[in-house]
Amino acid sequence: MKQVTIYTDGACSGNPGAGGWGAVLFYKDIKREISGYQENTTNNQMELTAAIKALDMLKEPCEVQLYSDSAYLINAFNQDWIIGWQMNGFRNANKKPVQNIDM
């Protein structure tokens, strides 16, 4: 299986505010950079967008190592938040809808 390494980041000026995202994908000797912009967004939305857009670039199943400085993104998987959200009907520990559920 192909092995791909992805580095992502996202940010915005104001929260919400104008934001941008970027990702760099590495496969063997190939490097691909992607990025984008949104006028009215949040920091977490840009962090998630970077990861989603990078994963969308993959044309077939791959083993992926994804690096991010977003605790929100990383903890959703590494601390199994996403499993808890699914089991609770996408509600957080305070019984409120999980933010950015559409992403």
N, C-alpha and C. Protein backbone atom coordinates (compact mmCIF):
# COMPACT_ATOMS: atom_id res chain seq x y z
N MET A 1 0.85 -1.18 0.00
CA MET A 1 0.00 0.00 0.00
C MET A 1 0.90 1.25 0.00
N LYS A 2 0.50 2.24 -0.76
CA LYS A 2 1.26 3.48 -0.82
C LYS A 2 1.24 4.18 0.53
N GLN A 3 2.37 4.80 0.88
CA GLN A 3 2.49 5.54 2.13
C GLN A 3 2.62 7.02 1.82
N VAL A 4 1.70 7.81 2.38
CA VAL A 4 1.66 9.25 2.15
C VAL A 4 1.79 9.95 3.49
N THR A 5 2.60 11.01 3.51
CA THR A 5 2.74 11.85 4.69
C THR A 5 2.13 13.21 4.37
N ILE A 6 1.30 13.71 5.29
CA ILE A 6 0.59 14.97 5.07
C ILE A 6 0.84 15.89 6.28
N TYR A 7 1.16 17.14 5.98
CA TYR A 7 1.27 18.19 7.00
C TYR A 7 0.20 19.23 6.69
N THR A 8 -0.58 19.59 7.72
CA THR A 8 -1.68 20.54 7.51
C THR A 8 -1.61 21.68 8.50
N ASP A 9 -2.24 22.80 8.11
CA ASP A 9 -2.41 23.92 9.03
C ASP A 9 -3.55 24.78 8.54
N GLY A 10 -4.16 25.48 9.46
CA GLY A 10 -5.23 26.40 9.15
C GLY A 10 -5.27 27.49 10.19
N ALA A 11 -5.75 28.66 9.80
CA ALA A 11 -5.81 29.79 10.73
C ALA A 11 -6.80 30.81 10.20
N CYS A 12 -7.18 31.74 11.08
CA CYS A 12 -8.00 32.85 10.63
C CYS A 12 -7.66 34.09 11.43
N SER A 13 -7.97 35.23 10.85
CA SER A 13 -7.75 36.53 11.49
C SER A 13 -9.07 36.96 12.09
N GLY A 14 -9.17 36.88 13.41
CA GLY A 14 -10.46 36.98 14.08
C GLY A 14 -11.02 35.57 14.12
N ASN A 15 -11.94 35.34 15.00
CA ASN A 15 -12.50 33.99 15.10
C ASN A 15 -13.99 34.10 15.43
N PRO A 16 -14.88 34.25 14.46
CA PRO A 16 -14.64 34.05 13.03
C PRO A 16 -14.00 35.25 12.36
N GLY A 17 -13.51 34.98 11.15
CA GLY A 17 -12.88 36.01 10.34
C GLY A 17 -12.37 35.40 9.05
N ALA A 18 -11.54 36.18 8.37
CA ALA A 18 -10.93 35.69 7.13
C ALA A 18 -9.93 34.60 7.49
N GLY A 19 -9.94 33.51 6.73
CA GLY A 19 -9.07 32.39 7.08
C GLY A 19 -8.44 31.72 5.88
N GLY A 20 -7.45 30.94 6.17
CA GLY A 20 -6.77 30.18 5.13
C GLY A 20 -6.34 28.83 5.65
N TRP A 21 -6.07 27.94 4.74
CA TRP A 21 -5.62 26.59 5.08
C TRP A 21 -4.56 26.17 4.08
N GLY A 22 -3.75 25.23 4.49
CA GLY A 22 -2.73 24.71 3.59
C GLY A 22 -2.35 23.30 3.99
N ALA A 23 -1.83 22.56 3.02
CA ALA A 23 -1.36 21.21 3.28
C ALA A 23 -0.24 20.88 2.31
N VAL A 24 0.66 20.05 2.78
CA VAL A 24 1.74 19.54 1.94
C VAL A 24 1.68 18.02 2.02
N LEU A 25 1.61 17.38 0.86
CA LEU A 25 1.54 15.92 0.76
C LEU A 25 2.85 15.41 0.18
N PHE A 26 3.36 14.33 0.77
CA PHE A 26 4.59 13.71 0.30
C PHE A 26 4.32 12.24 -0.02
N TYR A 27 4.72 11.84 -1.21
CA TYR A 27 4.70 10.44 -1.61
C TYR A 27 5.99 10.17 -2.36
N LYS A 28 6.84 9.33 -1.79
CA LYS A 28 8.17 9.07 -2.35
C LYS A 28 8.87 10.41 -2.59
N ASP A 29 9.28 10.70 -3.82
CA ASP A 29 9.97 11.95 -4.14
C ASP A 29 9.02 13.06 -4.57
N ILE A 30 7.73 12.80 -4.50
CA ILE A 30 6.74 13.76 -4.99
C ILE A 30 6.21 14.60 -3.82
N LYS A 31 6.19 15.90 -4.03
CA LYS A 31 5.67 16.85 -3.03
C LYS A 31 4.57 17.67 -3.71
N ARG A 32 3.42 17.77 -3.05
CA ARG A 32 2.30 18.55 -3.59
C ARG A 32 1.81 19.49 -2.52
N GLU A 33 1.71 20.77 -2.84
CA GLU A 33 1.21 21.78 -1.92
C GLU A 33 -0.17 22.24 -2.38
N ILE A 34 -1.10 22.37 -1.44
CA ILE A 34 -2.43 22.87 -1.74
C ILE A 34 -2.80 23.89 -0.68
N SER A 35 -3.67 24.82 -1.04
CA SER A 35 -4.09 25.84 -0.07
C SER A 35 -5.39 26.48 -0.54
N GLY A 36 -6.01 27.20 0.38
CA GLY A 36 -7.25 27.88 0.06
C GLY A 36 -7.57 28.96 1.06
N TYR A 37 -8.65 29.68 0.80
CA TYR A 37 -9.05 30.85 1.58
C TYR A 37 -10.57 30.89 1.72
N GLN A 38 -11.03 31.38 2.88
CA GLN A 38 -12.45 31.64 3.08
C GLN A 38 -12.58 32.98 3.79
N GLU A 39 -13.60 33.74 3.41
CA GLU A 39 -13.77 35.07 3.99
C GLU A 39 -14.28 35.04 5.42
N ASN A 40 -15.23 34.19 5.73
CA ASN A 40 -15.84 34.18 7.07
C ASN A 40 -15.83 32.76 7.60
N THR A 41 -14.89 32.47 8.49
CA THR A 41 -14.70 31.11 8.96
C THR A 41 -14.10 31.13 10.36
N THR A 42 -13.85 29.95 10.89
CA THR A 42 -13.19 29.86 12.20
C THR A 42 -11.87 29.12 12.05
N ASN A 43 -11.06 29.23 13.08
CA ASN A 43 -9.77 28.55 13.10
C ASN A 43 -9.96 27.03 12.96
N ASN A 44 -10.87 26.47 13.73
CA ASN A 44 -11.10 25.02 13.65
C ASN A 44 -11.60 24.59 12.28
N GLN A 45 -12.45 25.39 11.65
CA GLN A 45 -12.92 25.04 10.31
C GLN A 45 -11.76 25.02 9.32
N MET A 46 -10.82 25.93 9.45
CA MET A 46 -9.67 25.95 8.55
C MET A 46 -8.74 24.77 8.81
N GLU A 47 -8.56 24.40 10.08
CA GLU A 47 -7.75 23.23 10.41
C GLU A 47 -8.38 21.96 9.81
N LEU A 48 -9.68 21.82 9.96
CA LEU A 48 -10.38 20.66 9.42
C LEU A 48 -10.36 20.66 7.89
N THR A 49 -10.55 21.82 7.30
CA THR A 49 -10.55 21.93 5.84
C THR A 49 -9.22 21.48 5.27
N ALA A 50 -8.12 21.88 5.90
CA ALA A 50 -6.79 21.49 5.42
C ALA A 50 -6.67 19.97 5.35
N ALA A 51 -7.10 19.30 6.41
CA ALA A 51 -7.01 17.84 6.45
C ALA A 51 -7.95 17.19 5.43
N ILE A 52 -9.17 17.69 5.34
CA ILE A 52 -10.15 17.12 4.42
C ILE A 52 -9.69 17.28 2.97
N LYS A 53 -9.24 18.48 2.62
CA LYS A 53 -8.79 18.73 1.24
C LYS A 53 -7.56 17.87 0.91
N ALA A 54 -6.67 17.70 1.87
CA ALA A 54 -5.48 16.87 1.62
C ALA A 54 -5.90 15.42 1.39
N LEU A 55 -6.76 14.90 2.23
CA LEU A 55 -7.21 13.52 2.06
C LEU A 55 -8.00 13.34 0.77
N ASP A 56 -8.73 14.38 0.35
CA ASP A 56 -9.46 14.31 -0.92
C ASP A 56 -8.52 14.19 -2.12
N MET A 57 -7.27 14.58 -1.96
CA MET A 57 -6.31 14.50 -3.06
C MET A 57 -5.90 13.05 -3.37
N LEU A 58 -6.07 12.17 -2.41
CA LEU A 58 -5.65 10.78 -2.59
C LEU A 58 -6.57 10.08 -3.58
N LYS A 59 -5.98 9.42 -4.54
CA LYS A 59 -6.76 8.78 -5.60
C LYS A 59 -7.06 7.31 -5.34
N GLU A 60 -6.47 6.76 -4.30
CA GLU A 60 -6.68 5.36 -3.95
C GLU A 60 -6.39 5.19 -2.46
N PRO A 61 -6.77 4.07 -1.87
CA PRO A 61 -6.47 3.85 -0.46
C PRO A 61 -4.95 3.89 -0.22
N CYS A 62 -4.56 4.59 0.84
CA CYS A 62 -3.15 4.73 1.19
C CYS A 62 -2.98 4.63 2.70
N GLU A 63 -1.79 4.29 3.13
CA GLU A 63 -1.44 4.43 4.54
C GLU A 63 -1.02 5.88 4.71
N VAL A 64 -1.69 6.58 5.62
CA VAL A 64 -1.47 8.02 5.77
C VAL A 64 -0.97 8.35 7.17
N GLN A 65 0.05 9.17 7.22
CA GLN A 65 0.47 9.82 8.45
C GLN A 65 0.14 11.29 8.29
N LEU A 66 -0.78 11.80 9.11
CA LEU A 66 -1.20 13.19 9.01
C LEU A 66 -0.74 13.93 10.25
N TYR A 67 -0.06 15.05 10.04
CA TYR A 67 0.46 15.87 11.12
C TYR A 67 -0.27 17.21 11.14
N SER A 68 -0.67 17.63 12.33
CA SER A 68 -1.39 18.88 12.50
C SER A 68 -1.05 19.46 13.87
N ASP A 69 -1.12 20.77 14.00
CA ASP A 69 -0.95 21.39 15.31
C ASP A 69 -2.30 21.66 15.98
N SER A 70 -3.37 21.16 15.38
CA SER A 70 -4.71 21.38 15.90
C SER A 70 -5.09 20.30 16.90
N ALA A 71 -5.19 20.67 18.17
CA ALA A 71 -5.62 19.73 19.21
C ALA A 71 -7.03 19.22 18.90
N TYR A 72 -7.88 20.10 18.39
CA TYR A 72 -9.25 19.73 18.03
C TYR A 72 -9.26 18.59 17.02
N LEU A 73 -8.48 18.70 15.97
CA LEU A 73 -8.43 17.67 14.94
C LEU A 73 -7.77 16.39 15.46
N ILE A 74 -6.63 16.51 16.06
CA ILE A 74 -5.87 15.35 16.51
C ILE A 74 -6.60 14.59 17.62
N ASN A 75 -7.14 15.31 18.60
CA ASN A 75 -7.83 14.65 19.71
C ASN A 75 -9.11 13.94 19.28
N ALA A 76 -9.73 14.43 18.21
CA ALA A 76 -10.94 13.77 17.72
C ALA A 76 -10.64 12.31 17.38
N PHE A 77 -9.41 12.04 16.96
CA PHE A 77 -9.03 10.67 16.60
C PHE A 77 -8.17 10.00 17.67
N ASN A 78 -7.13 10.68 18.12
CA ASN A 78 -6.20 10.06 19.07
C ASN A 78 -6.81 9.84 20.45
N GLN A 79 -7.79 10.64 20.84
CA GLN A 79 -8.45 10.45 22.12
C GLN A 79 -9.87 9.91 21.94
N ASP A 80 -10.15 9.43 20.73
CA ASP A 80 -11.42 8.77 20.40
C ASP A 80 -12.65 9.66 20.62
N TRP A 81 -12.48 10.99 20.54
CA TRP A 81 -13.65 11.87 20.66
C TRP A 81 -14.69 11.51 19.61
N ILE A 82 -14.24 11.21 18.41
CA ILE A 82 -15.18 10.95 17.32
C ILE A 82 -16.05 9.73 17.61
N ILE A 83 -15.49 8.73 18.27
CA ILE A 83 -16.27 7.55 18.64
C ILE A 83 -17.35 7.93 19.65
N GLY A 84 -16.97 8.72 20.63
CA GLY A 84 -17.95 9.20 21.62
C GLY A 84 -19.03 10.05 20.98
N TRP A 85 -18.64 10.92 20.06
CA TRP A 85 -19.63 11.75 19.36
C TRP A 85 -20.62 10.87 18.59
N GLN A 86 -20.11 9.86 17.91
CA GLN A 86 -20.98 8.97 17.15
C GLN A 86 -21.94 8.23 18.08
N MET A 87 -21.43 7.74 19.19
CA MET A 87 -22.27 7.00 20.13
C MET A 87 -23.32 7.89 20.79
N ASN A 88 -23.03 9.19 20.90
CA ASN A 88 -23.94 10.14 21.55
C ASN A 88 -24.75 10.95 20.54
N GLY A 89 -24.87 10.45 19.32
CA GLY A 89 -25.66 11.16 18.31
C GLY A 89 -25.03 12.49 17.93
N PHE A 90 -23.71 12.54 17.90
CA PHE A 90 -22.93 13.74 17.58
C PHE A 90 -23.26 14.89 18.52
N ARG A 91 -23.30 14.54 19.80
CA ARG A 91 -23.43 15.53 20.88
C ARG A 91 -22.19 15.40 21.76
N ASN A 92 -21.75 16.53 22.28
CA ASN A 92 -20.54 16.53 23.12
C ASN A 92 -20.90 16.16 24.56
N ALA A 93 -19.92 16.24 25.44
CA ALA A 93 -20.13 15.85 26.83
C ALA A 93 -21.17 16.73 27.52
N ASN A 94 -21.39 17.94 27.01
CA ASN A 94 -22.41 18.84 27.57
C ASN A 94 -23.77 18.67 26.91
N LYS A 95 -23.91 17.60 26.11
CA LYS A 95 -25.16 17.26 25.41
C LYS A 95 -25.53 18.28 24.32
N LYS A 96 -24.57 19.10 23.91
CA LYS A 96 -24.80 20.06 22.83
C LYS A 96 -24.27 19.47 21.52
N PRO A 97 -24.85 19.88 20.39
CA PRO A 97 -24.36 19.36 19.11
C PRO A 97 -22.86 19.64 18.92
N VAL A 98 -22.17 18.67 18.38
CA VAL A 98 -20.75 18.83 18.10
C VAL A 98 -20.58 19.92 17.04
N GLN A 99 -19.65 20.83 17.28
CA GLN A 99 -19.39 21.87 16.30
C GLN A 99 -18.76 21.27 15.04
N ASN A 100 -19.04 21.89 13.92
CA ASN A 100 -18.48 21.50 12.62
C ASN A 100 -18.87 20.09 12.22
N ILE A 101 -20.03 19.63 12.63
CA ILE A 101 -20.48 18.27 12.33
C ILE A 101 -20.52 18.02 10.82
N ASP A 102 -20.79 19.06 10.04
CA ASP A 102 -20.86 18.91 8.60
C ASP A 102 -19.50 18.58 7.99
N MET A 103 -18.45 18.80 8.73
CA MET A 103 -17.12 18.54 8.22
C MET A 103 -16.65 17.17 8.67
